[in-house]
Amino acid sequence: MKDTNNTSEKLFFKIGEVAKIFSVNISAIRFWEKEFDILKPKKNKKGNRLFTQRDMQNLKIIHHLLKERGFTVEGAKKKLKENKNDTINNVEIVSHLKDIRSFLVQLREQL
């Protein structure tokens, strides 16, 4: 997943932007939308999907389970259903640890 620091100010994201942020195909985002009921992007008059910040947070969790932890779609659904809060906490911890690692690598390069 690409750095999403500058995405915190945006209200809506087009599906192409979302796919780029998560380094997946647009078809994967559409598939995840069908499979995971926690994703509910808005649609404009043309029918284009507009993902909210909440959708982006949910996509981050889904991406983490599927791409980083290697869950199947069914396994990820089950995990979210059984223990969503723990999963969210784990995603946040992993994200913070990646940020810390990145900072330390940059610091080491400056020494």
N, C-alpha and C. Protein backbone atom coordinates (compact mmCIF):
# COMPACT_ATOMS: atom_id res chain seq x y z
N MET A 1 0.85 -1.17 0.00
CA MET A 1 0.00 0.00 0.00
C MET A 1 0.89 1.23 0.00
N LYS A 2 0.53 2.17 -0.81
CA LYS A 2 1.31 3.41 -0.90
C LYS A 2 0.99 4.33 0.26
N ASP A 3 1.87 5.32 0.47
CA ASP A 3 1.69 6.28 1.56
C ASP A 3 0.38 7.03 1.37
N THR A 4 -0.41 7.07 2.42
CA THR A 4 -1.72 7.73 2.35
C THR A 4 -1.78 8.97 3.23
N ASN A 5 -0.64 9.55 3.57
CA ASN A 5 -0.63 10.72 4.44
C ASN A 5 -1.40 11.89 3.85
N ASN A 6 -1.28 12.11 2.54
CA ASN A 6 -1.96 13.25 1.93
C ASN A 6 -3.42 12.95 1.61
N THR A 7 -3.88 11.75 1.92
CA THR A 7 -5.27 11.41 1.61
C THR A 7 -6.22 11.78 2.74
N SER A 8 -5.68 12.17 3.90
CA SER A 8 -6.54 12.43 5.04
C SER A 8 -7.42 13.66 4.87
N GLU A 9 -7.07 14.55 3.94
CA GLU A 9 -7.87 15.75 3.74
C GLU A 9 -8.99 15.55 2.72
N LYS A 10 -8.87 14.55 1.86
CA LYS A 10 -9.86 14.34 0.82
C LYS A 10 -11.14 13.73 1.39
N LEU A 11 -12.26 14.14 0.83
CA LEU A 11 -13.55 13.59 1.25
C LEU A 11 -13.91 12.35 0.46
N PHE A 12 -13.62 12.35 -0.84
CA PHE A 12 -13.99 11.24 -1.71
C PHE A 12 -12.82 10.86 -2.61
N PHE A 13 -12.75 9.58 -2.92
CA PHE A 13 -11.71 9.05 -3.80
C PHE A 13 -12.36 8.28 -4.93
N LYS A 14 -11.89 8.49 -6.14
CA LYS A 14 -12.36 7.72 -7.28
C LYS A 14 -11.72 6.34 -7.23
N ILE A 15 -12.34 5.39 -7.88
CA ILE A 15 -11.87 4.01 -7.80
C ILE A 15 -10.44 3.85 -8.34
N GLY A 16 -10.08 4.63 -9.34
CA GLY A 16 -8.72 4.57 -9.87
C GLY A 16 -7.69 5.02 -8.84
N GLU A 17 -8.04 6.06 -8.10
CA GLU A 17 -7.16 6.55 -7.03
C GLU A 17 -7.00 5.50 -5.94
N VAL A 18 -8.12 4.88 -5.59
CA VAL A 18 -8.11 3.86 -4.55
C VAL A 18 -7.22 2.68 -4.97
N ALA A 19 -7.39 2.23 -6.20
CA ALA A 19 -6.60 1.12 -6.71
C ALA A 19 -5.10 1.45 -6.68
N LYS A 20 -4.78 2.68 -7.03
CA LYS A 20 -3.37 3.11 -7.03
C LYS A 20 -2.81 3.16 -5.60
N ILE A 21 -3.58 3.70 -4.68
CA ILE A 21 -3.14 3.79 -3.28
C ILE A 21 -2.84 2.41 -2.71
N PHE A 22 -3.70 1.43 -3.03
CA PHE A 22 -3.52 0.09 -2.49
C PHE A 22 -2.74 -0.84 -3.41
N SER A 23 -2.27 -0.31 -4.53
CA SER A 23 -1.46 -1.08 -5.49
C SER A 23 -2.17 -2.37 -5.93
N VAL A 24 -3.44 -2.23 -6.27
CA VAL A 24 -4.22 -3.35 -6.79
C VAL A 24 -4.96 -2.89 -8.04
N ASN A 25 -5.52 -3.84 -8.77
CA ASN A 25 -6.33 -3.51 -9.95
C ASN A 25 -7.68 -2.95 -9.53
N ILE A 26 -8.26 -2.16 -10.41
CA ILE A 26 -9.61 -1.63 -10.17
C ILE A 26 -10.59 -2.77 -9.98
N SER A 27 -10.40 -3.86 -10.73
CA SER A 27 -11.31 -5.00 -10.60
C SER A 27 -11.25 -5.60 -9.20
N ALA A 28 -10.10 -5.55 -8.55
CA ALA A 28 -9.99 -6.07 -7.18
C ALA A 28 -10.84 -5.22 -6.23
N ILE A 29 -10.80 -3.89 -6.43
CA ILE A 29 -11.60 -3.00 -5.58
C ILE A 29 -13.08 -3.29 -5.79
N ARG A 30 -13.51 -3.47 -7.04
CA ARG A 30 -14.91 -3.79 -7.31
C ARG A 30 -15.30 -5.13 -6.66
N PHE A 31 -14.40 -6.10 -6.78
CA PHE A 31 -14.65 -7.42 -6.18
C PHE A 31 -14.79 -7.30 -4.67
N TRP A 32 -13.86 -6.58 -4.04
CA TRP A 32 -13.93 -6.40 -2.59
C TRP A 32 -15.23 -5.71 -2.19
N GLU A 33 -15.66 -4.76 -3.00
CA GLU A 33 -16.92 -4.06 -2.70
C GLU A 33 -18.09 -5.04 -2.68
N LYS A 34 -18.09 -5.98 -3.63
CA LYS A 34 -19.17 -6.98 -3.68
C LYS A 34 -19.09 -7.95 -2.51
N GLU A 35 -17.88 -8.31 -2.14
CA GLU A 35 -17.69 -9.35 -1.13
C GLU A 35 -17.80 -8.86 0.32
N PHE A 36 -17.40 -7.62 0.57
CA PHE A 36 -17.36 -7.10 1.93
C PHE A 36 -18.43 -6.03 2.12
N ASP A 37 -19.40 -6.33 2.96
CA ASP A 37 -20.52 -5.40 3.13
C ASP A 37 -20.14 -4.15 3.92
N ILE A 38 -18.93 -4.09 4.46
CA ILE A 38 -18.50 -2.86 5.15
C ILE A 38 -18.08 -1.78 4.15
N LEU A 39 -17.94 -2.15 2.88
CA LEU A 39 -17.62 -1.17 1.84
C LEU A 39 -18.91 -0.69 1.19
N LYS A 40 -19.15 0.61 1.29
CA LYS A 40 -20.36 1.18 0.71
C LYS A 40 -20.03 2.51 0.03
N PRO A 41 -19.32 2.46 -1.10
CA PRO A 41 -18.99 3.73 -1.75
C PRO A 41 -20.25 4.41 -2.29
N LYS A 42 -20.21 5.72 -2.28
CA LYS A 42 -21.30 6.50 -2.88
C LYS A 42 -21.16 6.39 -4.39
N LYS A 43 -22.23 6.65 -5.10
CA LYS A 43 -22.15 6.70 -6.55
C LYS A 43 -22.72 8.03 -7.02
N ASN A 44 -22.00 8.67 -7.96
CA ASN A 44 -22.49 9.94 -8.48
C ASN A 44 -23.52 9.68 -9.58
N LYS A 45 -23.99 10.74 -10.21
CA LYS A 45 -25.04 10.60 -11.22
C LYS A 45 -24.62 9.72 -12.39
N LYS A 46 -23.32 9.71 -12.69
CA LYS A 46 -22.81 8.86 -13.77
C LYS A 46 -22.64 7.41 -13.34
N GLY A 47 -22.75 7.17 -12.03
CA GLY A 47 -22.58 5.81 -11.53
C GLY A 47 -21.15 5.51 -11.08
N ASN A 48 -20.28 6.54 -11.10
CA ASN A 48 -18.90 6.35 -10.66
C ASN A 48 -18.86 6.21 -9.15
N ARG A 49 -18.04 5.29 -8.70
CA ARG A 49 -17.90 5.07 -7.26
C ARG A 49 -17.06 6.17 -6.62
N LEU A 50 -17.51 6.65 -5.49
CA LEU A 50 -16.77 7.63 -4.71
C LEU A 50 -16.60 7.08 -3.30
N PHE A 51 -15.35 6.74 -2.97
CA PHE A 51 -15.05 6.12 -1.69
C PHE A 51 -14.79 7.19 -0.63
N THR A 52 -15.41 7.02 0.53
CA THR A 52 -15.26 7.97 1.64
C THR A 52 -14.04 7.60 2.48
N GLN A 53 -13.74 8.44 3.46
CA GLN A 53 -12.64 8.15 4.38
C GLN A 53 -12.93 6.84 5.13
N ARG A 54 -14.17 6.61 5.50
CA ARG A 54 -14.54 5.37 6.20
C ARG A 54 -14.28 4.16 5.29
N ASP A 55 -14.64 4.29 4.01
CA ASP A 55 -14.36 3.22 3.05
C ASP A 55 -12.86 2.97 2.96
N MET A 56 -12.08 4.04 2.97
CA MET A 56 -10.63 3.91 2.87
C MET A 56 -10.07 3.17 4.10
N GLN A 57 -10.61 3.47 5.27
CA GLN A 57 -10.17 2.76 6.48
C GLN A 57 -10.53 1.28 6.38
N ASN A 58 -11.73 1.00 5.90
CA ASN A 58 -12.15 -0.39 5.75
C ASN A 58 -11.33 -1.11 4.68
N LEU A 59 -11.01 -0.40 3.60
CA LEU A 59 -10.16 -0.99 2.56
C LEU A 59 -8.76 -1.29 3.09
N LYS A 60 -8.28 -0.44 3.96
CA LYS A 60 -6.96 -0.66 4.57
C LYS A 60 -6.97 -1.97 5.37
N ILE A 61 -8.05 -2.21 6.10
CA ILE A 61 -8.19 -3.44 6.88
C ILE A 61 -8.28 -4.64 5.94
N ILE A 62 -9.11 -4.53 4.92
CA ILE A 62 -9.29 -5.63 3.96
C ILE A 62 -7.97 -5.93 3.26
N HIS A 63 -7.29 -4.89 2.82
CA HIS A 63 -6.00 -5.05 2.14
C HIS A 63 -5.01 -5.74 3.07
N HIS A 64 -4.97 -5.31 4.32
CA HIS A 64 -4.06 -5.90 5.30
C HIS A 64 -4.33 -7.40 5.45
N LEU A 65 -5.59 -7.76 5.60
CA LEU A 65 -5.93 -9.17 5.79
C LEU A 65 -5.62 -10.00 4.55
N LEU A 66 -5.98 -9.49 3.38
CA LEU A 66 -5.82 -10.27 2.15
C LEU A 66 -4.38 -10.28 1.63
N LYS A 67 -3.77 -9.13 1.57
CA LYS A 67 -2.46 -9.02 0.92
C LYS A 67 -1.28 -9.17 1.86
N GLU A 68 -1.42 -8.68 3.09
CA GLU A 68 -0.29 -8.73 4.02
C GLU A 68 -0.33 -9.97 4.91
N ARG A 69 -1.52 -10.37 5.31
CA ARG A 69 -1.64 -11.53 6.20
C ARG A 69 -1.96 -12.81 5.44
N GLY A 70 -2.36 -12.70 4.18
CA GLY A 70 -2.58 -13.88 3.35
C GLY A 70 -3.89 -14.61 3.58
N PHE A 71 -4.87 -13.92 4.15
CA PHE A 71 -6.18 -14.53 4.35
C PHE A 71 -6.87 -14.75 3.00
N THR A 72 -7.75 -15.75 2.95
CA THR A 72 -8.65 -15.88 1.81
C THR A 72 -9.77 -14.86 2.01
N VAL A 73 -10.57 -14.63 0.99
CA VAL A 73 -11.69 -13.70 1.12
C VAL A 73 -12.64 -14.19 2.20
N GLU A 74 -12.94 -15.49 2.19
CA GLU A 74 -13.84 -16.04 3.21
C GLU A 74 -13.23 -15.92 4.60
N GLY A 75 -11.93 -16.17 4.71
CA GLY A 75 -11.25 -16.05 5.99
C GLY A 75 -11.26 -14.62 6.50
N ALA A 76 -11.06 -13.67 5.60
CA ALA A 76 -11.07 -12.26 5.98
C ALA A 76 -12.47 -11.84 6.43
N LYS A 77 -13.49 -12.30 5.72
CA LYS A 77 -14.88 -11.99 6.13
C LYS A 77 -15.15 -12.52 7.53
N LYS A 78 -14.73 -13.75 7.77
CA LYS A 78 -14.94 -14.37 9.08
C LYS A 78 -14.21 -13.60 10.16
N LYS A 79 -12.98 -13.23 9.89
CA LYS A 79 -12.17 -12.48 10.86
C LYS A 79 -12.84 -11.15 11.19
N LEU A 80 -13.32 -10.45 10.18
CA LEU A 80 -13.99 -9.16 10.40
C LEU A 80 -15.29 -9.34 11.18
N LYS A 81 -15.99 -10.40 10.90
CA LYS A 81 -17.27 -10.65 11.57
C LYS A 81 -17.04 -11.00 13.05
N GLU A 82 -16.04 -11.83 13.30
CA GLU A 82 -15.80 -12.31 14.66
C GLU A 82 -15.10 -11.28 15.53
N ASN A 83 -14.15 -10.54 14.96
CA ASN A 83 -13.31 -9.73 15.81
C ASN A 83 -12.78 -8.49 15.08
N LYS A 84 -13.67 -7.64 14.63
CA LYS A 84 -13.28 -6.48 13.84
C LYS A 84 -12.39 -5.52 14.63
N ASN A 85 -12.71 -5.27 15.89
CA ASN A 85 -11.94 -4.30 16.67
C ASN A 85 -10.49 -4.72 16.83
N ASP A 86 -10.24 -5.99 17.13
CA ASP A 86 -8.86 -6.47 17.24
C ASP A 86 -8.13 -6.34 15.91
N THR A 87 -8.83 -6.62 14.83
CA THR A 87 -8.23 -6.51 13.51
C THR A 87 -7.86 -5.07 13.21
N ILE A 88 -8.75 -4.14 13.54
CA ILE A 88 -8.46 -2.71 13.34
C ILE A 88 -7.25 -2.30 14.16
N ASN A 89 -7.20 -2.73 15.42
CA ASN A 89 -6.05 -2.41 16.27
C ASN A 89 -4.75 -2.96 15.69
N ASN A 90 -4.79 -4.19 15.18
CA ASN A 90 -3.60 -4.79 14.58
C ASN A 90 -3.14 -4.01 13.35
N VAL A 91 -4.08 -3.59 12.53
CA VAL A 91 -3.74 -2.81 11.33
C VAL A 91 -3.07 -1.49 11.74
N GLU A 92 -3.63 -0.85 12.76
CA GLU A 92 -3.05 0.42 13.22
C GLU A 92 -1.66 0.22 13.80
N ILE A 93 -1.46 -0.85 14.56
CA ILE A 93 -0.14 -1.13 15.12
C ILE A 93 0.87 -1.38 14.01
N VAL A 94 0.50 -2.19 13.04
CA VAL A 94 1.40 -2.47 11.92
C VAL A 94 1.74 -1.19 11.18
N SER A 95 0.75 -0.33 10.97
CA SER A 95 0.97 0.94 10.28
C SER A 95 1.95 1.83 11.06
N HIS A 96 1.77 1.91 12.37
CA HIS A 96 2.67 2.71 13.20
C HIS A 96 4.08 2.14 13.19
N LEU A 97 4.18 0.83 13.25
CA LEU A 97 5.50 0.20 13.22
C LEU A 97 6.21 0.46 11.90
N LYS A 98 5.46 0.43 10.80
CA LYS A 98 6.06 0.74 9.50
C LYS A 98 6.55 2.18 9.45
N ASP A 99 5.77 3.11 10.02
CA ASP A 99 6.17 4.51 10.07
C ASP A 99 7.45 4.68 10.89
N ILE A 100 7.51 3.99 12.03
CA ILE A 100 8.70 4.07 12.89
C ILE A 100 9.91 3.50 12.16
N ARG A 101 9.72 2.37 11.50
CA ARG A 101 10.83 1.76 10.76
C ARG A 101 11.33 2.70 9.67
N SER A 102 10.41 3.29 8.95
CA SER A 102 10.77 4.23 7.88
C SER A 102 11.57 5.40 8.44
N PHE A 103 11.12 5.93 9.57
CA PHE A 103 11.82 7.04 10.22
C PHE A 103 13.23 6.62 10.63
N LEU A 104 13.35 5.44 11.22
CA LEU A 104 14.67 4.96 11.66
C LEU A 104 15.61 4.71 10.49
N VAL A 105 15.08 4.20 9.39
CA VAL A 105 15.91 3.99 8.19
C VAL A 105 16.42 5.33 7.66
N GLN A 106 15.53 6.32 7.62
CA GLN A 106 15.95 7.65 7.16
C GLN A 106 17.00 8.24 8.10
N LEU A 107 16.81 8.05 9.39
CA LEU A 107 17.75 8.56 10.38
C LEU A 107 19.12 7.90 10.21
N ARG A 108 19.12 6.60 9.99
CA ARG A 108 20.37 5.86 9.79
C ARG A 108 21.11 6.36 8.55
N GLU A 109 20.35 6.65 7.49
CA GLU A 109 20.96 7.13 6.24
C GLU A 109 21.59 8.51 6.41
N GLN A 110 21.07 9.29 7.35
CA GLN A 110 21.61 10.64 7.58
C GLN A 110 22.87 10.61 8.44
N LEU A 111 23.12 9.52 9.14
CA LEU A 111 24.29 9.44 10.01
C LEU A 111 25.56 9.13 9.23
